[in-house]
Amino acid sequence: MKTIAYKGPHPGILAIIFMVLFIAGLSFVVSFTEGTHYPGPWERASTIIMYFQNHSWNVLMCAFFQFGSAIPLGILTAAFVSRLRFLGANPPGTYIALFGGFATSLSLIISASINWVMAFPGIAQDASITRAFYYIGFAIGGVGYSVPLGLLIAGIAVTSGFMKLLPKWIVVIGIVLAIIGEASWLTMIFPDLLPLIPLTRFPGFIWLIIAGFMLPKTISSEAKS
């Protein structure tokens, strides 16, 4: 029986590139000590405005790397869906993953572009414009990221689970992450649920890497036919 190998981008490697670029951008605005860090939406307006006035270079570098991270994310989405279809998967799971991944990539592009605008000379001097851009960018890069990321993970996990392409524990963890991602939508009404966003984002990096490396890349010619 002949074995056919999948020929295309490796989703696991792309997931690593995506994670590295995203975290590289985050490193410019996040402090692991008591130092200055990117302000949260719960902080005073004066704190938010002063941050962008005094740390425009950090915001610019964050925008640069996170914009760049959207590209491998979009490619890995296509790679996952292409691999699943090669292995015999049919819609709607693959289409859900495709929509979720592309929507997440687009949210990164938009939120990074908004951060770039706020880092542009003179913008942060206008308090009302800065606040408006900040909250729009936070919404798009926060819940606008975590909800579609949950759909990407759900589409891959559920499809792989039905077809037994991934170990059960990976499928279960993926479904849990997807549920957390969709539940993060509630943060728009209940701000105390804001931790659901990073609970989707950071474990999601690891899940995509593991799933990308463990998803089969060969199929028998008999099964293919």
Protein backbone atom coordinates (compact mmCIF):
# COMPACT_ATOMS: atom_id res chain seq x y z
CA MET A 1 0.00 0.00 0.00
CA LYS A 2 1.50 3.31 -1.10
CA THR A 3 1.72 6.23 1.32
CA ILE A 4 1.08 9.76 0.11
CA ALA A 5 2.78 12.60 1.99
CA TYR A 6 1.25 16.03 2.38
CA LYS A 7 3.20 18.76 0.61
CA GLY A 8 2.68 22.20 2.06
CA PRO A 9 3.63 24.61 4.86
CA HIS A 10 4.18 23.02 8.28
CA PRO A 11 1.53 24.40 10.67
CA GLY A 12 3.63 23.62 13.77
CA ILE A 13 6.61 25.63 12.54
CA LEU A 14 4.34 28.48 11.46
CA ALA A 15 2.72 28.44 14.91
CA ILE A 16 6.16 28.84 16.50
CA ILE A 17 6.96 31.80 14.24
CA PHE A 18 3.59 33.35 15.05
CA MET A 19 4.17 32.97 18.80
CA VAL A 20 7.74 34.31 18.70
CA LEU A 21 6.76 37.42 16.72
CA PHE A 22 3.74 38.12 18.90
CA ILE A 23 5.64 37.75 22.17
CA ALA A 24 8.52 39.81 20.77
CA GLY A 25 6.07 42.66 20.27
CA LEU A 26 4.53 42.13 23.67
CA SER A 27 7.95 42.33 25.35
CA PHE A 28 8.17 46.03 24.49
CA VAL A 29 5.01 46.96 26.41
CA VAL A 30 4.79 44.39 29.22
CA SER A 31 6.84 44.60 32.40
CA PHE A 32 7.38 41.53 34.56
CA THR A 33 8.35 43.78 37.46
CA GLU A 34 6.69 46.87 38.88
CA GLY A 35 7.87 48.95 35.91
CA THR A 36 5.79 50.80 33.37
CA HIS A 37 3.55 48.61 31.23
CA TYR A 38 0.81 48.90 28.62
CA PRO A 39 -2.24 50.22 30.49
CA GLY A 40 -5.39 48.18 30.96
CA PRO A 41 -8.87 49.54 30.22
CA TRP A 42 -9.59 49.76 33.96
CA GLU A 43 -6.88 52.36 34.51
CA ARG A 44 -7.44 56.11 34.70
CA ALA A 45 -7.64 58.10 31.49
CA SER A 46 -4.60 60.15 32.51
CA THR A 47 -2.54 56.96 32.95
CA ILE A 48 -3.50 55.70 29.50
CA ILE A 49 -2.74 59.00 27.78
CA MET A 50 0.57 59.52 29.57
CA TYR A 51 1.73 56.04 28.60
CA PHE A 52 1.32 56.73 24.89
CA GLN A 53 2.88 60.17 25.24
CA ASN A 54 5.97 58.83 27.01
CA HIS A 55 6.42 55.39 25.43
CA SER A 56 5.62 55.87 21.75
CA TRP A 57 8.70 53.88 20.62
CA ASN A 58 7.70 50.86 22.71
CA VAL A 59 4.17 51.00 21.26
CA LEU A 60 5.60 51.33 17.74
CA MET A 61 7.80 48.25 18.14
CA CYS A 62 4.90 46.28 19.61
CA ALA A 63 2.75 47.26 16.62
CA PHE A 64 5.55 46.32 14.20
CA PHE A 65 6.05 42.79 15.52
CA GLN A 66 2.38 42.03 16.14
CA PHE A 67 1.45 43.19 12.65
CA GLY A 68 4.13 40.82 11.38
CA SER A 69 2.76 37.95 13.50
CA ALA A 70 -0.56 38.16 11.67
CA ILE A 71 1.04 36.87 8.47
CA PRO A 72 2.26 33.46 9.74
CA LEU A 73 -1.06 33.15 11.61
CA GLY A 74 -2.98 33.50 8.36
CA ILE A 75 -0.65 31.06 6.60
CA LEU A 76 -0.84 28.50 9.42
CA THR A 77 -4.64 28.71 9.24
CA ALA A 78 -4.52 27.85 5.55
CA ALA A 79 -1.95 25.11 6.28
CA PHE A 80 -4.13 23.52 8.99
CA VAL A 81 -7.22 23.56 6.81
CA SER A 82 -5.30 22.26 3.78
CA ARG A 83 -3.81 19.43 5.88
CA LEU A 84 -7.21 18.48 7.29
CA ARG A 85 -8.76 18.42 3.83
CA PHE A 86 -5.84 16.30 2.57
CA LEU A 87 -6.53 13.84 5.40
CA GLY A 88 -10.16 13.57 4.33
CA ALA A 89 -11.92 16.16 6.50
CA ASN A 90 -15.06 17.81 5.19
CA PRO A 91 -16.89 21.02 6.15
CA PRO A 92 -18.18 22.59 8.33
CA GLY A 93 -15.27 22.10 10.79
CA THR A 94 -12.60 23.13 8.29
CA TYR A 95 -14.56 26.21 7.26
CA ILE A 96 -15.05 27.20 10.90
CA ALA A 97 -11.29 26.95 11.44
CA LEU A 98 -10.65 28.93 8.25
CA PHE A 99 -13.00 31.72 9.29
CA GLY A 100 -11.65 31.82 12.85
CA GLY A 101 -8.00 31.92 11.79
CA PHE A 102 -8.43 34.58 9.13
CA ALA A 103 -10.58 36.70 11.48
CA THR A 104 -7.92 36.44 14.20
CA SER A 105 -5.22 37.44 11.73
CA LEU A 106 -7.28 40.41 10.57
CA SER A 107 -7.90 41.53 14.17
CA LEU A 108 -4.14 41.52 14.76
CA ILE A 109 -3.51 43.60 11.65
CA ILE A 110 -6.15 46.17 12.63
CA SER A 111 -5.18 46.42 16.31
CA ALA A 112 -1.47 46.70 15.42
CA SER A 113 -2.29 49.41 12.90
CA ILE A 114 -4.24 51.34 15.55
CA ASN A 115 -1.27 51.10 17.92
CA TRP A 116 0.97 52.38 15.12
CA VAL A 117 -1.33 55.39 14.71
CA MET A 118 -1.19 56.13 18.45
CA ALA A 119 2.61 55.93 18.36
CA PHE A 120 2.76 58.46 15.52
CA PRO A 121 4.18 61.85 16.58
CA GLY A 122 1.53 64.28 17.79
CA ILE A 123 -1.39 61.84 18.03
CA ALA A 124 -0.98 61.09 21.75
CA GLN A 125 -1.03 64.82 22.49
CA ASP A 126 -4.74 64.83 21.72
CA ALA A 127 -6.29 63.17 24.77
CA SER A 128 -9.74 62.49 23.32
CA ILE A 129 -8.40 60.90 20.10
CA THR A 130 -5.89 58.79 22.05
CA ARG A 131 -8.58 57.41 24.38
CA ALA A 132 -10.90 56.59 21.48
CA PHE A 133 -8.15 54.81 19.53
CA TYR A 134 -7.03 53.00 22.67
CA TYR A 135 -10.41 51.47 23.49
CA ILE A 136 -11.11 50.55 19.86
CA GLY A 137 -7.69 48.91 19.58
CA PHE A 138 -8.09 47.10 22.89
CA ALA A 139 -11.48 45.70 21.84
CA ILE A 140 -10.22 44.49 18.46
CA GLY A 141 -6.97 43.09 19.85
CA GLY A 142 -8.63 41.66 22.97
CA VAL A 143 -12.03 40.03 22.59
CA GLY A 144 -11.78 40.56 18.82
CA TYR A 145 -8.76 38.24 18.94
CA SER A 146 -9.77 35.64 21.52
CA VAL A 147 -13.24 34.83 20.15
CA PRO A 148 -12.13 33.99 16.58
CA LEU A 149 -9.03 32.23 17.92
CA GLY A 150 -11.43 30.00 19.85
CA LEU A 151 -13.19 29.22 16.56
CA LEU A 152 -9.89 28.33 14.88
CA ILE A 153 -8.99 25.95 17.70
CA ALA A 154 -12.53 24.51 17.82
CA GLY A 155 -12.57 23.80 14.09
CA ILE A 156 -9.25 21.97 14.27
CA ALA A 157 -9.95 20.13 17.53
CA VAL A 158 -13.48 18.94 16.78
CA THR A 159 -12.65 17.88 13.23
CA SER A 160 -9.52 16.05 14.40
CA GLY A 161 -11.48 14.44 17.21
CA PHE A 162 -14.15 13.03 14.90
CA MET A 163 -11.52 11.68 12.54
CA LYS A 164 -9.18 10.50 15.34
CA LEU A 165 -6.30 12.49 13.87
CA LEU A 166 -5.06 13.82 17.23
CA PRO A 167 -4.81 12.22 20.69
CA LYS A 168 -7.94 12.61 22.78
CA TRP A 169 -6.23 14.77 25.41
CA ILE A 170 -5.20 17.34 22.80
CA VAL A 171 -8.72 17.40 21.41
CA VAL A 172 -10.22 17.89 24.87
CA ILE A 173 -7.82 20.70 25.76
CA GLY A 174 -8.57 22.33 22.42
CA ILE A 175 -12.31 22.23 23.05
CA VAL A 176 -11.81 23.72 26.53
CA LEU A 177 -9.69 26.55 25.07
CA ALA A 178 -12.33 27.14 22.39
CA ILE A 179 -15.05 27.42 25.04
CA ILE A 180 -12.93 29.89 27.04
CA GLY A 181 -12.34 31.88 23.86
CA GLU A 182 -16.03 32.13 23.08
CA ALA A 183 -16.84 32.97 26.71
CA SER A 184 -14.40 35.90 26.53
CA TRP A 185 -17.09 37.66 24.49
CA LEU A 186 -18.79 38.31 27.85
CA THR A 187 -15.97 40.67 28.85
CA MET A 188 -17.68 43.34 26.74
CA ILE A 189 -20.38 43.44 29.41
CA PHE A 190 -18.58 41.98 32.43
CA PRO A 191 -15.05 43.48 32.61
CA ASP A 192 -14.14 41.21 35.55
CA LEU A 193 -13.97 38.34 33.04
CA LEU A 194 -11.05 39.99 31.23
CA PRO A 195 -8.61 37.17 32.26
CA LEU A 196 -10.46 34.90 29.81
CA ILE A 197 -8.65 36.71 26.97
CA PRO A 198 -5.07 35.78 28.01
CA LEU A 199 -6.36 32.34 29.07
CA THR A 200 -7.25 31.83 25.42
CA ARG A 201 -4.28 33.64 23.91
CA PHE A 202 -1.24 32.11 25.61
CA PRO A 203 -2.32 28.47 26.02
CA GLY A 204 -3.61 28.81 22.45
CA PHE A 205 -0.05 29.40 21.22
CA ILE A 206 1.12 26.15 22.75
CA TRP A 207 -1.92 24.20 21.57
CA LEU A 208 -1.46 25.29 17.96
CA ILE A 209 2.21 24.29 18.06
CA ILE A 210 1.49 20.84 19.52
CA ALA A 211 -1.44 20.20 17.17
CA GLY A 212 0.62 21.38 14.20
CA PHE A 213 3.39 18.89 14.94
CA MET A 214 1.12 15.97 15.86
CA LEU A 215 -1.37 16.21 13.01
CA PRO A 216 -0.61 13.37 10.57
CA LYS A 217 1.04 14.35 7.29
CA THR A 218 0.72 11.08 5.39
CA ILE A 219 -2.22 9.04 4.18
CA SER A 220 -2.50 5.72 2.36
CA SER A 221 -3.32 5.83 -1.34
CA GLU A 222 -6.28 3.52 -0.64
CA ALA A 223 -7.76 5.95 1.90
CA LYS A 224 -7.09 8.87 -0.45
CA SER A 225 -8.97 7.22 -3.27
